[in-house]
Protein backbone atom coordinates (compact mmCIF):
# COMPACT_ATOMS: atom_id res chain seq x y z
CA GLY A 1 8.70 18.79 -7.24
CA THR A 2 9.68 16.17 -5.13
CA ILE A 3 9.03 16.03 -1.14
CA PRO A 4 11.53 18.32 0.90
CA GLU A 5 13.83 16.26 2.44
CA GLU A 6 13.39 18.22 5.63
CA LEU A 7 9.89 16.63 5.88
CA TYR A 8 11.40 13.52 7.15
CA GLN A 9 12.85 15.07 10.23
CA LEU A 10 9.47 15.59 11.65
CA ASP A 11 9.55 12.55 13.69
CA GLY A 12 6.55 13.39 15.83
CA LEU A 13 4.30 13.82 12.75
CA LEU A 14 1.05 11.98 12.69
CA HIS A 15 -0.59 12.52 9.24
CA LEU A 16 1.24 13.23 6.09
CA GLY A 17 -1.40 14.27 3.79
CA LEU A 18 0.22 15.30 0.25
CA ASN A 19 -2.46 13.55 -2.17
CA LYS A 20 -4.09 15.57 -5.21
CA ASN A 21 -0.74 17.58 -5.97
CA GLN A 22 2.09 17.61 -8.54
CA PHE A 23 4.62 15.49 -6.59
CA GLU A 24 7.17 13.30 -8.69
CA GLY A 25 10.24 11.16 -8.29
CA SER A 26 10.62 8.31 -5.93
CA ILE A 27 8.94 7.92 -2.51
CA SER A 28 11.81 8.26 -0.21
CA THR A 29 13.21 5.42 1.82
CA LYS A 30 13.36 8.12 4.54
CA LEU A 31 9.68 7.54 4.83
CA GLY A 32 10.48 4.83 7.39
CA LEU A 33 11.94 7.62 9.88
CA LEU A 34 8.39 8.93 10.36
CA SER A 35 7.93 6.32 13.17
CA SER A 36 4.69 8.16 14.82
CA LEU A 37 2.99 8.52 11.59
CA LYS A 38 -0.65 7.04 11.57
CA LYS A 39 -1.94 8.22 8.20
CA CYS A 40 -0.03 8.47 4.90
CA THR A 41 -1.87 9.84 1.88
CA LEU A 42 0.18 10.46 -1.31
CA GLY A 43 -2.32 9.50 -3.82
CA ASP A 44 -3.21 11.36 -7.06
CA ASN A 45 0.58 12.37 -7.93
CA MET A 46 3.12 11.37 -10.31
CA PHE A 47 5.40 9.16 -7.97
CA THR A 48 7.32 6.54 -9.67
CA GLY A 49 9.59 3.95 -8.67
CA VAL A 50 8.63 1.17 -6.14
CA ILE A 51 7.41 1.19 -2.75
CA PRO A 52 10.17 1.53 -0.23
CA THR A 53 10.51 -1.70 2.03
CA GLN A 54 10.88 0.91 4.77
CA VAL A 55 7.24 1.45 4.90
CA GLY A 56 7.45 -1.60 7.07
CA LYS A 57 8.84 0.38 9.96
CA LEU A 58 5.71 2.60 10.07
CA THR A 59 4.08 0.28 12.53
CA ASP A 60 1.63 2.66 14.05
CA LEU A 61 0.10 3.42 10.59
CA TYR A 62 -3.49 2.81 9.85
CA THR A 63 -3.83 4.16 6.47
CA LEU A 64 -1.26 4.07 3.55
CA SER A 65 -3.00 5.38 0.36
CA LEU A 66 -0.78 5.55 -2.88
CA GLU A 67 -3.52 5.06 -5.40
CA ASN A 68 -3.34 7.08 -8.72
CA ASN A 69 0.62 7.34 -9.04
CA LYS A 70 2.92 5.52 -11.49
CA ILE A 71 4.46 3.22 -8.75
CA THR A 72 5.93 -0.21 -10.20
CA GLY A 73 7.55 -3.18 -8.84
CA THR A 74 5.87 -5.61 -6.28
CA ILE A 75 4.21 -5.01 -3.00
CA PRO A 76 6.93 -5.49 -0.38
CA ARG A 77 6.78 -8.18 2.07
CA GLN A 78 7.49 -5.49 4.93
CA VAL A 79 3.92 -4.23 4.39
CA GLY A 80 3.13 -7.04 6.91
CA ASN A 81 5.16 -5.28 9.68
CA ILE A 82 2.27 -2.57 9.59
CA THR A 83 0.16 -4.79 11.86
CA LYS A 84 -2.22 -1.88 12.83
CA LEU A 85 -3.13 -1.00 9.11
CA GLU A 86 -6.73 -0.70 8.25
CA ILE A 87 -6.57 0.80 4.84
CA LEU A 88 -3.89 -0.01 1.93
CA ARG A 89 -4.69 1.54 -1.35
CA LEU A 90 -2.43 1.18 -4.27
CA SER A 91 -4.91 1.08 -7.12
CA ASN A 92 -4.13 2.61 -10.65
CA ASN A 93 -0.27 2.06 -10.45
CA MET A 94 1.78 -0.30 -12.29
CA VAL A 95 2.49 -2.62 -9.53
CA SER A 96 2.93 -6.21 -10.67
CA GLY A 97 3.58 -9.96 -9.08
CA SER A 98 1.34 -11.32 -6.48
CA ILE A 99 0.40 -10.03 -2.91
CA PRO A 100 2.88 -11.36 -0.54
CA SER A 101 1.76 -13.83 2.18
CA GLU A 102 2.70 -11.51 4.81
CA VAL A 103 -0.41 -9.22 4.01
CA GLY A 104 -2.25 -11.90 6.00
CA TYR A 105 -0.61 -10.48 9.25
CA LEU A 106 -2.77 -7.45 8.65
CA HIS A 107 -5.73 -8.58 10.73
CA TYR A 108 -7.35 -5.13 11.14
CA LEU A 109 -7.25 -4.65 7.40
CA GLU A 110 -10.59 -3.37 6.40
CA GLU A 111 -9.98 -2.03 2.60
CA LEU A 112 -7.35 -3.44 0.42
CA SER A 113 -7.81 -1.81 -2.99
CA LEU A 114 -5.26 -3.28 -5.62
CA ALA A 115 -7.39 -2.32 -8.95
CA GLY A 116 -5.76 -1.13 -12.07
CA ASN A 117 -2.48 -2.53 -11.54
CA SER A 118 -0.38 -5.48 -13.21
CA LEU A 119 -1.04 -8.21 -10.78
CA ASN A 120 -0.84 -11.60 -12.23
CA MET A 121 -2.03 -14.12 -9.53
CA SER A 122 -4.92 -16.22 -8.46
CA ILE A 123 -6.90 -14.62 -5.30
CA PRO A 124 -4.56 -15.98 -2.26
CA LYS A 125 -6.20 -17.61 0.67
CA HIS A 126 -4.32 -15.69 3.04
CA VAL A 127 -6.42 -12.48 1.89
CA MET A 128 -9.61 -14.41 2.22
CA ASP A 129 -8.58 -15.08 5.80
CA MET A 130 -8.68 -11.57 7.01
CA GLN A 131 -11.63 -11.28 9.43
CA ASN A 132 -12.36 -7.42 9.18
CA ILE A 133 -11.96 -6.88 5.36
CA LYS A 134 -14.87 -4.95 4.03
CA LYS A 135 -13.50 -4.11 0.71
CA LEU A 136 -11.38 -6.11 -1.94
CA ASP A 137 -10.80 -4.24 -5.20
CA PHE A 138 -8.71 -6.29 -7.66
CA SER A 139 -10.43 -5.03 -10.88
CA ASN A 140 -8.34 -4.42 -14.01
CA ASN A 141 -5.65 -6.89 -13.15
CA SER A 142 -4.40 -10.01 -14.61
CA LEU A 143 -5.89 -12.36 -12.21
CA SER A 144 -6.21 -15.87 -13.12
CA GLY A 145 -7.59 -19.09 -11.87
CA THR A 146 -11.11 -19.92 -10.56
CA ILE A 147 -12.87 -18.04 -7.83
CA PRO A 148 -11.93 -19.69 -4.83
CA GLU A 149 -14.88 -21.46 -2.91
CA TYR A 150 -13.93 -19.74 0.57
CA ILE A 151 -14.96 -16.46 -0.76
CA GLY A 152 -18.56 -17.46 -1.01
């Protein structure tokens, strides 16, 4: 089934953990109403559609985990508004395009997992400028170009 609409009225919610279930359909734009949210784990479901741009309103979020779904479209540039984000997991979806430059605003980001998508790009410099990054996983995409010197 889908996430009950009433859930989006819990404006004091700090952790939304719905991973490893059978949820399907699109991730609602109403997710942006959960302004107190610090951790959002929706991985291992059957969500489809795009990542709503309203995730950019979750400015207190430190974990966004959407891996192992059927999400399409591109990474919205509004992700750059989640400046406290430490973990961004989008692996094993059908995300395409490139990583928006706004991801460079995520100065606390420690993990960026984008494996198993349809990203077609070279590794962007703004990703390599992130000082706290500990895990980068771009495996099983359509990356091109040479490995930049600033990696090594």
